[in-house]
Amino acid sequence: MYIQAEELIKQEMLVMMHHDCLDTPTPGQAQVNASLIKRGKTKETGQAMHVAFLERNPYDQFTTEELEQVI
């Protein structure tokens, strides 16, 4: 049971990270894009990888009201 919960948390973290890369990229993520460009890929290639991941694993946003109902 503990391992299942841990895997669900890891999966959610990955979804959040991919979402953040598209929504509010950090300077470190910009360096990854620069690395892709050096290898002949474009910035759009990096973004396409994030989009493809999120199409398979959607990012769910919740309102404050929805979160308060859970508590």
C-alpha atoms as a PDB file:
ATOM      1  CA  MET A   1       0.000   0.000   0.000  1.00  0.00           C
ATOM      2  CA  TYR A   2       2.822   2.415   0.911  1.00  0.00           C
ATOM      3  CA  ILE A   3       4.602   1.758  -2.412  1.00  0.00           C
ATOM      4  CA  GLN A   4       1.418   2.530  -4.372  1.00  0.00           C
ATOM      5  CA  ALA A   5       1.013   5.856  -2.582  1.00  0.00           C
ATOM      6  CA  GLU A   6       4.656   6.711  -3.223  1.00  0.00           C
ATOM      7  CA  GLU A   7       4.295   5.935  -6.933  1.00  0.00           C
ATOM      8  CA  LEU A   8       1.162   8.100  -7.184  1.00  0.00           C
ATOM      9  CA  ILE A   9       3.026  10.987  -5.554  1.00  0.00           C
ATOM     10  CA  LYS A  10       5.950  10.557  -7.969  1.00  0.00           C
ATOM     11  CA  GLN A  11       3.579  10.531 -10.945  1.00  0.00           C
ATOM     12  CA  GLU A  12       1.857  13.706  -9.741  1.00  0.00           C
ATOM     13  CA  MET A  13       5.228  15.399  -9.248  1.00  0.00           C
ATOM     14  CA  LEU A  14       6.192  14.567 -12.842  1.00  0.00           C
ATOM     15  CA  VAL A  15       2.930  16.004 -14.145  1.00  0.00           C
ATOM     16  CA  MET A  16       3.473  19.187 -12.133  1.00  0.00           C
ATOM     17  CA  MET A  17       7.063  19.526 -13.355  1.00  0.00           C
ATOM     18  CA  HIS A  18       6.074  19.156 -17.019  1.00  0.00           C
ATOM     19  CA  HIS A  19       3.272  21.679 -16.522  1.00  0.00           C
ATOM     20  CA  ASP A  20       5.629  24.143 -14.846  1.00  0.00           C
ATOM     21  CA  CYS A  21       8.173  23.771 -17.669  1.00  0.00           C
ATOM     22  CA  LEU A  22       5.556  25.068 -20.075  1.00  0.00           C
ATOM     23  CA  ASP A  23       3.770  27.542 -17.824  1.00  0.00           C
ATOM     24  CA  THR A  24       6.615  29.150 -15.846  1.00  0.00           C
ATOM     25  CA  PRO A  25      10.023  27.796 -16.916  1.00  0.00           C
ATOM     26  CA  THR A  26      12.959  28.383 -14.604  1.00  0.00           C
ATOM     27  CA  PRO A  27      16.444  29.473 -15.738  1.00  0.00           C
ATOM     28  CA  GLY A  28      17.564  25.846 -15.303  1.00  0.00           C
ATOM     29  CA  GLN A  29      14.873  24.667 -17.673  1.00  0.00           C
ATOM     30  CA  ALA A  30      16.007  27.307 -20.151  1.00  0.00           C
ATOM     31  CA  GLN A  31      19.486  25.742 -19.999  1.00  0.00           C
ATOM     32  CA  VAL A  32      17.961  22.382 -20.915  1.00  0.00           C
ATOM     33  CA  ASN A  33      16.380  24.048 -23.944  1.00  0.00           C
ATOM     34  CA  ALA A  34      19.776  25.524 -24.842  1.00  0.00           C
ATOM     35  CA  SER A  35      21.286  22.044 -24.587  1.00  0.00           C
ATOM     36  CA  LEU A  36      18.630  20.680 -26.956  1.00  0.00           C
ATOM     37  CA  ILE A  37      19.382  23.462 -29.450  1.00  0.00           C
ATOM     38  CA  LYS A  38      23.120  22.620 -29.346  1.00  0.00           C
ATOM     39  CA  ARG A  39      22.235  19.032 -30.276  1.00  0.00           C
ATOM     40  CA  GLY A  40      20.306  20.226 -33.317  1.00  0.00           C
ATOM     41  CA  LYS A  41      16.896  20.270 -31.705  1.00  0.00           C
ATOM     42  CA  THR A  42      14.723  23.352 -31.387  1.00  0.00           C
ATOM     43  CA  LYS A  43      13.158  24.943 -28.336  1.00  0.00           C
ATOM     44  CA  GLU A  44       9.834  23.744 -29.717  1.00  0.00           C
ATOM     45  CA  THR A  45      11.109  20.153 -29.540  1.00  0.00           C
ATOM     46  CA  GLY A  46      11.550  20.498 -25.777  1.00  0.00           C
ATOM     47  CA  GLN A  47       8.129  22.070 -25.439  1.00  0.00           C
ATOM     48  CA  ALA A  48       6.607  19.349 -27.606  1.00  0.00           C
ATOM     49  CA  MET A  49       7.975  16.722 -25.202  1.00  0.00           C
ATOM     50  CA  HIS A  50       6.200  18.428 -22.296  1.00  0.00           C
ATOM     51  CA  VAL A  51       2.972  18.795 -24.253  1.00  0.00           C
ATOM     52  CA  ALA A  52       3.061  15.127 -25.300  1.00  0.00           C
ATOM     53  CA  PHE A  53       3.584  14.043 -21.678  1.00  0.00           C
ATOM     54  CA  LEU A  54       0.690  16.207 -20.483  1.00  0.00           C
ATOM     55  CA  GLU A  55      -1.589  14.856 -23.211  1.00  0.00           C
ATOM     56  CA  ARG A  56      -1.013  11.376 -21.774  1.00  0.00           C
ATOM     57  CA  ASN A  57      -1.061  12.575 -18.137  1.00  0.00           C
ATOM     58  CA  PRO A  58      -3.306  15.633 -17.810  1.00  0.00           C
ATOM     59  CA  TYR A  59      -2.638  18.374 -15.280  1.00  0.00           C
ATOM     60  CA  ASP A  60      -5.728  18.951 -13.164  1.00  0.00           C
ATOM     61  CA  GLN A  61      -6.273  22.387 -11.674  1.00  0.00           C
ATOM     62  CA  PHE A  62      -8.584  22.808  -8.716  1.00  0.00           C
ATOM     63  CA  THR A  63     -10.291  25.900  -7.388  1.00  0.00           C
ATOM     64  CA  THR A  64      -9.926  26.987  -3.776  1.00  0.00           C
ATOM     65  CA  GLU A  65     -13.545  25.980  -3.184  1.00  0.00           C
ATOM     66  CA  GLU A  66     -12.907  22.474  -4.496  1.00  0.00           C
ATOM     67  CA  LEU A  67      -9.891  22.092  -2.232  1.00  0.00           C
ATOM     68  CA  GLU A  68     -11.832  23.333   0.801  1.00  0.00           C
ATOM     69  CA  GLN A  69     -14.487  20.646   0.192  1.00  0.00           C
ATOM     70  CA  VAL A  70     -11.835  17.952   0.551  1.00  0.00           C
ATOM     71  CA  ILE A  71     -10.516  19.228   3.876  1.00  0.00           C
END
